[in-house]
Amino acid sequence: MTSPSSLPQDDQRLETNRADALMEEDAAWSLGDDSRDGEQFEREERAALRRVAGLSTELEDVTEVEYRQLRLERVVLVGVWTSGTAQDADNSLAELAALAETAGALVLDGLVQRRDKPDPATFIGSGKAAELRDIVLESGADTVVCDGELSPGQLIHLEDVVKVKVIDRTALILDIFAQHAKSREGKAQVALAQMQYMLPRLRGWGQSLSRQMGGGKGGGLATRGPGETKIETDRRRIREKMAKMRREIADMKTGREIKRQERRRHKVPSVAIAGYTNAGKSSLLNRLTGAGVLVENALFATLDPTVRRAETPTGRVYTLADTVGFVRHLPHHLVEAFRSTMEEVGDSDLILHVVDGSHPDPEEQLAAVREVIRDVGAQDVPEIVVINKADAADPHVMARLLRIEKHAIAVSARTGQGIPELLAMIDEELPRPRIELTAVVPYTHGGLVSRVHAEGEVLSEEHTAEGTMLKARVHEELAAELEPFAA
């Protein structure tokens, strides 16, 4: 039998960490039932890193690699299960796996650790971090992705144990956004969010971490030195870049605001499509307007808002805006950076809240999106819940959602199922002009008739010898222009 002193140093440290972790658990449980406060987990559950089945995306055919544009990082996912059911924890890690695949990674394994709360030092605890290091070595992974937002200290400590790069859920989402941003504004918003995330996580080694005060002669003790350290310089430069980026985004916001004011001036109602990422928002926009927007089975395929003209079955014109998808625990940096883009939702007259009916937990998707809608101040905008992918969803789930959500409709953007009924609902929900009148507009004023069709709601139209007799609902400005021709 090998004595502990003959083990290599790394293995010796691993054995010590494991022993310390086991001793801590034994000490905690030896106190008896009376010392336990609240609902405590079973010892076996707390002490286990539970593998989540079906998360590996290893390529069966190595030639598939040739078709991947990005270098695939080999990742192990790890989450902390603090509340809810085991299925909830698995769904959360499955979503993280989808995010990792969208970013171009290869998922090798998924692990869940059950705890009362994440460990403040290493997220999963020192003993489990050592076990995670063994799994990383066995699988040949080069990155660990944690299902949560880690503090700078947690990132550093976990990296020190597992000896590979560690990123959290927020960094992963930011990476996806950086890959998918196409417009100048989208790129600027992503860059701002990345810098906000990076600023408290800047790291330095050796001399770059030292805190020299700087100064020349006569500065006194402990004041002479090279001045600003590299990490301080980096922070200052990032803050300067962030200030510049905010100014640029504010300038770009002005252009979109002018377009919105123009639509409001012409009294064109607006509808915003909001929903969880990959719920089928762009597919629905294409189905309703024939817009030809990129549709991709990937998370966050749409980052730049697309606004298209549409008509109701009765001929009323409105605008339809496709917006960035939301996700559970959407990073605060992204909500702030994309606030100007999300204003399309807040300024709309109606929200089409799209939810994926085939998702394992559509209710959680609905709750996550509504949380972001509240963040951008759009909670008072009327909402139609559009349960998409009805052709692929479980009928019992669809029935449950339709029962829970009072103002909902089941559709399939792919097959067209339910689209006519949705268009009728949109027509019914859009704000209607308040003033009803009858006017005989001379044929020399054809432009006025066109405006009534575009900006109002024509109830009846008849061509007479004097001109076009219109019975319509219009807004105040148009009513004033029609007043001379009132019948």
Foldseek 3Di string as FASTA:
>chain_A
DDDLVPDPPLVSVLVVQQVVVVVVLCVVPVVDDVPDPDDDDDPVQQPDWDWQPDLFPDDPDPCVVVVQPDDAAEEEEEEEDQDDDPVVVSLLVSVVSQLSVLLRYGYHTYTYHYDNAQDLQARSGRNVLLVVLVVCVVRVGQEYEYADQHALRNQVRSCVRNVHHYYYSQVSVLSSQCVQDDDPLSNLLSLLLVLVSCLNNDDDDDPLPDDAQDDDPPPDPRNHDPHHGPNNVVNVVSVVSNVVSVVVNVVVLVVVVVVVVVCVVLQAAEEEEAFAFQLCQVLLVCLQAVPPDDDDNGGFNDAAKDKDWGAFPLQEIHIYIYHTHFHACNDPSSLVSCLSRCVSLQPHQEYAYGFAQARPCRVVRVVRRLVSCVVSPNNPRHYEYEHEPPVNHDVVSVVVVCVVDVRYDYAYSVPGRCVNVVSVVCVVRTDAADDWFKFFDAPVPVVLVVSCSHNHRWPDWDADPRHIITTTGHHDVSCVVRVVGTD
